[in-house]
């Protein structure tokens, strides 16, 4: 289904594109901006790793370099394998490397996803207000705030899960089901990082830093394509939000089609010619994809694994067998 969705969106993204004009646009790209793009991508990966490390530390201290390698490897595997198997591999490899229960590692990844929604929504709302951005997703503001409130409630339930277990309303229930209690306790360890104000604040700060680096990369690409008069940092954040929503729709590995179609649509509403908008979206996407995937695959093999081994271990075919 993901491949089908991606293929359909790629068709609509490519439809009516003048390929000669597209090649001419690519030839005029100011390649010097690839350097800050790569450096900013590295900074984004470091923010991701630092955040994950803080979530894992209450269970067992983790080195930043190990968190960085596993984060990058997981993203690379997501880019190559369907159904976000990279997240499953990251959790499994992390549990073995860090000697932390698998459920606890999974809980930290679940918290990461919830944090991504909260922080990205807040940054997008701030960018829309400060940058005067209207239309698009903002037309569904009421629905978005309801979804935001739901994620906040779910996040709070995760953060205070150990307090809920110990509360007298639930203590009797969990006393009768000790295995279920153990399950919740291991999950609760994944959110212990929020029980310290300093650690919790840093986790949110690193999450914000990650998305701001993404926005900065779109800004660099805007300068590379001569869109400096159109793409400021506020609109770049709106593109990050658009790309995140596009990635939430089932798609092929790497989400080719999802990004190109949605980002081009948004850029066209800002007065960017369709061919130029598609060139911008595809160039930024492929550049990020190649850098993260190649770096992550190096780490996968460095840890003694391979793509074939990962697919064999985590593929649905194995589960079906």
Protein backbone atom coordinates (compact mmCIF):
# COMPACT_ATOMS: atom_id res chain seq x y z
CA UNK A 1 0.00 0.00 0.00
CA UNK A 2 2.84 2.37 0.83
CA UNK A 3 4.55 1.76 -2.50
CA UNK A 4 1.25 2.31 -4.30
CA UNK A 5 0.58 5.61 -2.49
CA UNK A 6 4.13 6.79 -3.17
CA UNK A 7 3.92 5.83 -6.84
CA UNK A 8 0.61 7.68 -7.30
CA UNK A 9 1.97 10.81 -5.60
CA UNK A 10 5.15 10.64 -7.68
CA UNK A 11 3.01 10.51 -10.81
CA UNK A 12 1.07 13.61 -9.78
CA UNK A 13 4.29 15.36 -8.73
CA UNK A 14 5.94 14.66 -12.11
CA UNK A 15 2.83 15.36 -14.16
CA UNK A 16 3.15 18.47 -16.36
CA UNK A 17 6.81 18.92 -15.45
CA UNK A 18 8.99 20.21 -18.30
CA UNK A 19 12.06 18.00 -17.97
CA UNK A 20 14.31 20.22 -20.07
CA UNK A 21 13.44 23.14 -17.83
CA UNK A 22 13.94 20.91 -14.78
CA UNK A 23 17.48 19.99 -15.88
CA UNK A 24 18.23 23.65 -16.56
CA UNK A 25 17.10 24.54 -13.03
CA UNK A 26 19.30 21.82 -11.53
CA UNK A 27 22.28 23.11 -13.53
CA UNK A 28 21.91 26.55 -11.97
CA UNK A 29 21.89 25.35 -8.35
CA UNK A 30 24.51 27.09 -6.21
CA UNK A 31 26.34 23.99 -4.98
CA UNK A 32 28.21 25.93 -2.29
CA UNK A 33 25.12 25.66 -0.09
CA UNK A 34 25.51 21.88 0.03
CA UNK A 35 28.25 22.38 2.65
CA UNK A 36 26.05 24.13 5.26
CA UNK A 37 23.25 21.70 4.35
CA UNK A 38 25.43 18.69 5.29
CA UNK A 39 26.72 20.37 8.46
CA UNK A 40 23.17 21.26 9.53
CA UNK A 41 22.06 17.67 8.87
CA UNK A 42 24.84 16.44 11.14
CA UNK A 43 23.69 18.89 13.81
CA UNK A 44 20.14 17.58 13.47
CA UNK A 45 21.35 13.99 13.95
CA UNK A 46 23.31 15.08 17.03
CA UNK A 47 20.20 16.70 18.52
CA UNK A 48 18.26 13.48 17.89
CA UNK A 49 20.99 11.40 19.54
CA UNK A 50 21.32 13.73 22.53
CA UNK A 51 17.56 13.61 23.12
CA UNK A 52 17.44 9.81 22.91
CA UNK A 53 20.43 9.52 25.23
CA UNK A 54 18.63 11.55 27.91
CA UNK A 55 15.58 9.30 27.59
CA UNK A 56 17.75 6.18 27.97
CA UNK A 57 20.07 7.40 30.75
CA UNK A 58 17.71 6.72 33.71
CA UNK A 59 17.83 3.02 32.80
CA UNK A 60 21.57 2.89 32.10
CA UNK A 61 24.08 5.59 31.12
CA UNK A 62 24.56 5.69 27.34
CA UNK A 63 27.38 7.25 25.33
CA UNK A 64 26.38 9.99 22.91
CA UNK A 65 28.40 8.42 20.09
CA UNK A 66 26.51 5.13 20.44
CA UNK A 67 23.15 6.90 20.45
CA UNK A 68 24.27 8.88 17.38
CA UNK A 69 25.26 5.75 15.45
CA UNK A 70 22.04 3.89 16.29
CA UNK A 71 19.83 6.91 15.50
CA UNK A 72 21.49 7.35 12.11
CA UNK A 73 21.40 3.62 11.38
CA UNK A 74 17.69 3.50 12.22
CA UNK A 75 16.92 6.41 9.89
CA UNK A 76 18.97 4.79 7.12
CA UNK A 77 17.09 1.51 7.49
CA UNK A 78 13.78 3.40 7.44
CA UNK A 79 14.93 4.89 4.13
CA UNK A 80 15.61 1.45 2.66
CA UNK A 81 13.13 -0.94 4.25
CA UNK A 82 9.32 -0.70 4.33
CA UNK A 83 7.04 -0.25 7.35
CA UNK A 84 9.62 1.76 9.33
CA UNK A 85 11.55 -1.39 10.17
CA UNK A 86 14.46 0.86 11.05
CA UNK A 87 12.73 1.80 14.31
CA UNK A 88 12.29 -1.86 15.20
CA UNK A 89 15.94 -2.56 14.39
CA UNK A 90 17.10 0.47 16.39
CA UNK A 91 15.15 -0.65 19.44
CA UNK A 92 16.40 -4.23 19.21
CA UNK A 93 20.03 -3.29 18.58
CA UNK A 94 19.87 -0.64 21.31
CA UNK A 95 18.46 -3.08 23.86
CA UNK A 96 21.34 -5.46 23.16
CA UNK A 97 24.06 -2.82 23.08
CA UNK A 98 22.91 -0.85 26.11
CA UNK A 99 21.68 -3.85 28.18
CA UNK A 100 18.29 -2.18 28.64
CA UNK A 101 14.94 -4.06 28.47
CA UNK A 102 13.50 -3.96 24.97
CA UNK A 103 10.16 -2.57 26.18
CA UNK A 104 11.95 0.34 27.84
CA UNK A 105 13.82 1.16 24.62
CA UNK A 106 10.56 0.96 22.67
CA UNK A 107 8.99 3.34 25.20
CA UNK A 108 11.74 5.91 24.58
CA UNK A 109 11.07 5.71 20.82
CA UNK A 110 7.33 6.13 21.44
CA UNK A 111 8.10 9.21 23.53
CA UNK A 112 10.30 10.54 20.72
CA UNK A 113 7.39 10.33 18.27
CA UNK A 114 4.99 12.03 20.69
CA UNK A 115 7.58 14.76 21.34
CA UNK A 116 8.02 15.26 17.61
CA UNK A 117 4.30 15.95 17.22
CA UNK A 118 4.15 18.33 20.19
CA UNK A 119 7.27 20.33 19.44
CA UNK A 120 6.78 20.51 15.68
CA UNK A 121 3.18 21.65 16.08
CA UNK A 122 4.26 24.36 18.54
CA UNK A 123 7.06 25.56 16.24
CA UNK A 124 4.74 25.58 13.23
CA UNK A 125 2.09 27.54 15.13
CA UNK A 126 4.71 30.08 16.23
CA UNK A 127 6.15 30.36 12.70
CA UNK A 128 2.68 30.81 11.19
CA UNK A 129 1.83 33.59 13.64
CA UNK A 130 5.17 35.43 13.48
CA UNK A 131 5.57 34.93 9.72
CA UNK A 132 1.98 35.76 8.79
CA UNK A 133 1.44 32.37 7.13
CA UNK A 134 -2.19 31.52 6.35
CA UNK A 135 -4.12 28.83 4.51
CA UNK A 136 -3.18 25.19 4.08
CA UNK A 137 -3.21 23.23 7.33
CA UNK A 138 -4.16 26.38 9.22
CA UNK A 139 -7.65 26.12 7.72
CA UNK A 140 -8.12 23.11 10.00
CA UNK A 141 -6.91 24.88 13.12
CA UNK A 142 -9.66 23.59 15.43
CA UNK A 143 -9.05 19.98 14.46
CA UNK A 144 -5.29 20.42 14.83
CA UNK A 145 -5.66 21.81 18.36
CA UNK A 146 -7.89 18.87 19.32
CA UNK A 147 -5.24 16.47 18.03
CA UNK A 148 -2.56 18.45 19.89
CA UNK A 149 -4.53 18.16 23.14
CA UNK A 150 -4.87 14.40 22.62
CA UNK A 151 -1.12 14.00 22.16
CA UNK A 152 -0.47 16.11 25.28
CA UNK A 153 -2.80 13.86 27.29
CA UNK A 154 -1.11 10.72 25.97
CA UNK A 155 2.31 12.20 26.72
CA UNK A 156 1.28 13.08 30.27
CA UNK A 157 -0.03 9.54 30.81
CA UNK A 158 3.34 8.16 29.69
CA UNK A 159 5.36 10.54 31.85
CA UNK A 160 3.35 9.81 34.99
CA UNK A 161 2.78 6.12 34.29
CA UNK A 162 4.80 4.98 37.32
CA UNK A 163 2.79 7.30 39.59
CA UNK A 164 -0.41 5.86 38.13
CA UNK A 165 0.81 2.34 38.88
CA UNK A 166 1.54 3.27 42.50
CA UNK A 167 -1.76 5.12 43.03
CA UNK A 168 -4.14 3.41 45.44
CA UNK A 169 -6.84 3.32 42.74
CA UNK A 170 -4.71 0.97 40.63
CA UNK A 171 -2.26 -0.63 43.10
CA UNK A 172 -4.69 -3.42 43.98
CA UNK A 173 -5.26 -4.26 40.34
CA UNK A 174 -1.54 -4.45 39.54
CA UNK A 175 -0.92 -6.48 42.72
CA UNK A 176 -3.11 -9.21 41.22
CA UNK A 177 -1.27 -9.08 37.88
CA UNK A 178 2.47 -8.84 38.69
CA UNK A 179 3.54 -9.51 35.09
CA UNK A 180 1.41 -6.65 33.87
CA UNK A 181 2.91 -4.46 36.57
CA UNK A 182 6.42 -5.41 35.42
CA UNK A 183 5.43 -4.52 31.86
CA UNK A 184 4.24 -1.06 32.90
CA UNK A 185 7.31 -0.51 35.07
CA UNK A 186 9.62 -1.21 32.14
CA UNK A 187 7.62 1.12 29.93
CA UNK A 188 7.71 3.77 32.68
CA UNK A 189 11.52 3.65 32.68
CA UNK A 190 11.40 5.05 29.16
CA UNK A 191 9.98 8.34 30.43
CA UNK A 192 12.02 8.69 33.63
CA UNK A 193 14.06 11.38 31.93
CA UNK A 194 11.16 13.80 32.43
CA UNK A 195 11.17 13.34 36.21
CA UNK A 196 14.13 15.73 36.42
CA UNK A 197 13.31 19.31 35.45
CA UNK A 198 16.73 19.86 33.90
CA UNK A 199 16.63 16.63 31.92
CA UNK A 200 13.04 17.21 30.78
CA UNK A 201 13.82 20.76 29.67
CA UNK A 202 16.85 19.55 27.72
CA UNK A 203 14.81 16.82 26.03
CA UNK A 204 12.33 19.42 24.79
CA UNK A 205 15.17 21.77 23.80
CA UNK A 206 16.93 19.06 21.78
CA UNK A 207 13.63 18.18 20.07
CA UNK A 208 13.17 21.83 19.12
CA UNK A 209 16.79 22.03 17.94
CA UNK A 210 16.26 19.01 15.69
CA UNK A 211 13.31 20.59 13.87
CA UNK A 212 14.96 24.00 13.68
CA UNK A 213 17.92 22.37 11.92
CA UNK A 214 15.47 20.87 9.43
CA UNK A 215 14.00 24.32 8.82
CA UNK A 216 17.48 25.78 8.39
CA UNK A 217 18.22 23.16 5.74
CA UNK A 218 15.18 24.21 3.72
CA UNK A 219 16.42 27.78 4.04
CA UNK A 220 19.86 26.78 2.67
CA UNK A 221 18.17 25.05 -0.25
CA UNK A 222 16.07 28.15 -0.85
CA UNK A 223 19.26 30.18 -1.21
CA UNK A 224 20.78 27.51 -3.47
CA UNK A 225 17.76 27.74 -5.81
CA UNK A 226 17.50 31.53 -5.71
CA UNK A 227 14.38 31.50 -3.53
CA UNK A 228 15.80 33.74 -0.82
CA UNK A 229 13.03 36.26 -1.43
CA UNK A 230 10.35 33.61 -0.93
CA UNK A 231 11.69 31.23 1.71
CA UNK A 232 12.45 32.79 5.06
CA UNK A 233 12.91 30.73 8.25
CA UNK A 234 9.18 30.97 9.06
CA UNK A 235 8.13 29.48 5.74
CA UNK A 236 10.95 26.95 5.99
CA UNK A 237 9.40 25.75 9.26
CA UNK A 238 6.05 25.49 7.50
CA UNK A 239 7.72 23.24 4.90
CA UNK A 240 9.18 21.07 7.68
CA UNK A 241 5.68 20.66 9.13
CA UNK A 242 4.31 19.87 5.67
CA UNK A 243 7.00 17.25 5.11
CA UNK A 244 6.31 15.64 8.49
CA UNK A 245 2.61 15.39 7.70
CA UNK A 246 3.47 13.91 4.29
CA UNK A 247 5.66 11.28 5.99
CA UNK A 248 2.77 10.30 8.25
CA UNK A 249 0.90 9.01 5.18
CA UNK A 250 1.90 5.44 4.18
CA UNK A 251 4.54 5.58 1.49
CA UNK A 252 7.51 3.82 -0.02
CA UNK A 253 10.83 3.78 1.89
CA UNK A 254 12.23 7.29 1.91
CA UNK A 255 8.73 8.65 1.24
CA UNK A 256 9.53 9.61 -2.34
CA UNK A 257 6.40 11.06 -3.87
CA UNK A 258 4.94 12.15 -0.53
CA UNK A 259 7.50 14.93 -0.05
CA UNK A 260 7.73 16.06 -3.66
CA UNK A 261 3.98 16.28 -4.16
CA UNK A 262 3.14 18.12 -0.93
CA UNK A 263 6.10 20.50 -0.85
CA UNK A 264 5.60 21.47 -4.48
CA UNK A 265 1.94 22.21 -3.79
CA UNK A 266 2.83 24.52 -0.90
CA UNK A 267 5.57 26.31 -2.85
CA UNK A 268 3.20 26.94 -5.77
CA UNK A 269 0.75 28.67 -3.40
CA UNK A 270 3.62 31.03 -2.48
CA UNK A 271 4.12 31.99 -6.13
CA UNK A 272 6.98 29.63 -6.97
CA UNK A 273 6.75 28.17 -10.52
CA UNK A 274 5.80 24.50 -10.47
CA UNK A 275 9.01 23.25 -12.13
CA UNK A 276 11.17 25.26 -9.73
CA UNK A 277 9.16 24.08 -6.72
CA UNK A 278 9.52 20.44 -7.76
CA UNK A 279 13.25 20.90 -8.40
CA UNK A 280 13.69 22.41 -4.93
CA UNK A 281 11.70 19.66 -3.17
CA UNK A 282 13.33 16.76 -5.02
CA UNK A 283 16.87 18.11 -4.69
CA UNK A 284 16.59 18.73 -0.95
CA UNK A 285 14.94 15.35 -0.42
CA UNK A 286 17.48 13.33 -2.41
CA UNK A 287 20.46 15.14 -0.88
CA UNK A 288 19.24 14.47 2.68
CA UNK A 289 18.28 10.89 1.79
CA UNK A 290 21.68 10.05 0.32
CA UNK A 291 23.72 11.58 3.13
CA UNK A 292 21.76 10.02 6.02
CA UNK A 293 21.37 6.65 4.28
CA UNK A 294 25.04 6.29 3.36
CA UNK A 295 26.21 7.38 6.81
CA UNK A 296 23.71 5.10 8.53
CA UNK A 297 24.63 2.07 6.39
CA UNK A 298 28.28 2.58 7.36
CA UNK A 299 27.23 2.36 11.01
CA UNK A 300 25.02 -0.70 10.35
CA UNK A 301 27.97 -2.64 8.90
CA UNK A 302 30.32 -1.23 11.55
CA UNK A 303 28.10 -2.82 14.21
CA UNK A 304 28.42 -6.19 12.49
CA UNK A 305 25.06 -6.23 10.69
CA UNK A 306 24.01 -6.04 7.05
CA UNK A 307 20.91 -5.02 5.11
CA UNK A 308 20.13 -8.62 4.25
CA UNK A 309 20.52 -9.71 7.86
CA UNK A 310 18.28 -6.91 9.10
CA UNK A 311 15.57 -7.69 6.53
CA UNK A 312 15.72 -11.41 7.31
CA UNK A 313 15.45 -10.78 11.05
CA UNK A 314 12.68 -8.17 11.04
CA UNK A 315 10.69 -8.81 7.86
CA UNK A 316 6.99 -9.75 8.06
CA UNK A 317 7.82 -12.96 6.16
CA UNK A 318 9.67 -14.22 9.21
CA UNK A 319 6.71 -13.43 11.46
CA UNK A 320 4.34 -15.17 9.07
CA UNK A 321 6.58 -18.24 9.03
